[in-house]
C-alpha atoms as a PDB file:
ATOM      1  CA  UNK A   1      -8.730   8.803   6.775  1.00  0.00           C
ATOM      2  CA  UNK A   2      -7.541  12.003   8.432  1.00  0.00           C
ATOM      3  CA  UNK A   3     -11.045  12.830   9.658  1.00  0.00           C
ATOM      4  CA  UNK A   4     -11.267   9.359  11.191  1.00  0.00           C
ATOM      5  CA  UNK A   5      -7.832   9.646  12.821  1.00  0.00           C
ATOM      6  CA  UNK A   6      -8.709  13.071  14.214  1.00  0.00           C
ATOM      7  CA  UNK A   7     -12.032  11.827  15.597  1.00  0.00           C
ATOM      8  CA  UNK A   8     -10.364   8.776  17.121  1.00  0.00           C
ATOM      9  CA  UNK A   9      -7.797  11.045  18.772  1.00  0.00           C
ATOM     10  CA  UNK A  10     -10.078  13.799  20.046  1.00  0.00           C
ATOM     11  CA  UNK A  11     -13.461  12.081  20.474  1.00  0.00           C
ATOM     12  CA  UNK A  12     -12.840   8.329  20.690  1.00  0.00           C
ATOM     13  CA  UNK A  13     -16.167   7.604  22.368  1.00  0.00           C
ATOM     14  CA  UNK A  14     -17.950   9.129  19.365  1.00  0.00           C
ATOM     15  CA  UNK A  15     -16.398   6.774  16.778  1.00  0.00           C
ATOM     16  CA  UNK A  16     -19.008   4.389  15.378  1.00  0.00           C
ATOM     17  CA  UNK A  17     -19.289   1.715  12.737  1.00  0.00           C
ATOM     18  CA  UNK A  18     -20.502   4.453  10.376  1.00  0.00           C
ATOM     19  CA  UNK A  19     -17.018   5.988  10.531  1.00  0.00           C
ATOM     20  CA  UNK A  20     -15.490   2.651   9.576  1.00  0.00           C
ATOM     21  CA  UNK A  21     -18.046   2.237   6.796  1.00  0.00           C
ATOM     22  CA  UNK A  22     -17.005   5.620   5.383  1.00  0.00           C
ATOM     23  CA  UNK A  23     -13.423   4.424   5.203  1.00  0.00           C
ATOM     24  CA  UNK A  24     -14.523   1.268   3.409  1.00  0.00           C
ATOM     25  CA  UNK A  25     -16.536   3.307   0.905  1.00  0.00           C
ATOM     26  CA  UNK A  26     -13.419   5.419   0.295  1.00  0.00           C
ATOM     27  CA  UNK A  27     -11.584   2.236  -0.689  1.00  0.00           C
ATOM     28  CA  UNK A  28      -9.822   1.254   2.520  1.00  0.00           C
ATOM     29  CA  UNK A  29      -9.743  -2.452   3.323  1.00  0.00           C
ATOM     30  CA  UNK A  30     -10.492  -3.805   6.778  1.00  0.00           C
ATOM     31  CA  UNK A  31      -6.742  -4.280   7.244  1.00  0.00           C
ATOM     32  CA  UNK A  32      -6.188  -0.637   6.261  1.00  0.00           C
ATOM     33  CA  UNK A  33      -8.755   0.489   8.824  1.00  0.00           C
ATOM     34  CA  UNK A  34      -7.046  -1.605  11.489  1.00  0.00           C
ATOM     35  CA  UNK A  35      -3.669  -0.104  10.578  1.00  0.00           C
ATOM     36  CA  UNK A  36      -5.081   3.438  10.730  1.00  0.00           C
ATOM     37  CA  UNK A  37      -6.639   2.786  14.141  1.00  0.00           C
ATOM     38  CA  UNK A  38      -3.489   1.135  15.500  1.00  0.00           C
ATOM     39  CA  UNK A  39      -1.135   3.894  14.353  1.00  0.00           C
ATOM     40  CA  UNK A  40      -3.469   6.598  15.650  1.00  0.00           C
ATOM     41  CA  UNK A  41      -3.869   4.847  19.006  1.00  0.00           C
ATOM     42  CA  UNK A  42      -0.148   4.151  19.327  1.00  0.00           C
ATOM     43  CA  UNK A  43       0.819   7.786  18.832  1.00  0.00           C
ATOM     44  CA  UNK A  44      -1.816   8.884  21.353  1.00  0.00           C
ATOM     45  CA  UNK A  45      -0.512   6.282  23.827  1.00  0.00           C
ATOM     46  CA  UNK A  46       3.154   7.168  23.337  1.00  0.00           C
ATOM     47  CA  UNK A  47       2.502  10.893  23.672  1.00  0.00           C
ATOM     48  CA  UNK A  48       0.443  10.428  26.835  1.00  0.00           C
ATOM     49  CA  UNK A  49       3.174   8.288  28.396  1.00  0.00           C
ATOM     50  CA  UNK A  50       5.809  10.888  27.534  1.00  0.00           C
ATOM     51  CA  UNK A  51       3.628  13.751  28.791  1.00  0.00           C
ATOM     52  CA  UNK A  52       2.681  11.814  31.923  1.00  0.00           C
ATOM     53  CA  UNK A  53       6.324  11.205  32.778  1.00  0.00           C
ATOM     54  CA  UNK A  54       7.369  14.762  32.031  1.00  0.00           C
ATOM     55  CA  UNK A  55       9.666  13.769  29.172  1.00  0.00           C
ATOM     56  CA  UNK A  56      10.989  17.020  27.696  1.00  0.00           C
ATOM     57  CA  UNK A  57      10.423  17.836  24.058  1.00  0.00           C
ATOM     58  CA  UNK A  58      13.441  17.161  21.866  1.00  0.00           C
ATOM     59  CA  UNK A  59      15.487  20.259  21.092  1.00  0.00           C
ATOM     60  CA  UNK A  60      14.981  19.767  17.333  1.00  0.00           C
ATOM     61  CA  UNK A  61      11.177  20.067  17.683  1.00  0.00           C
ATOM     62  CA  UNK A  62       9.938  23.550  16.897  1.00  0.00           C
ATOM     63  CA  UNK A  63       7.335  25.165  19.150  1.00  0.00           C
END
């Protein structure tokens, strides 16, 4: 799951059906795969919006 999420984040154009098949073989359902993809994509989206608008990092976040 983490390998898939990392690949989706860093190399989204390289994700293929083989990656999804690996998740299925590991026991993830199609709904699980959808949830993983949606959460990964949402965090990427939210971080890009914040970065693109220059939103400062919260003071409680360590460098």
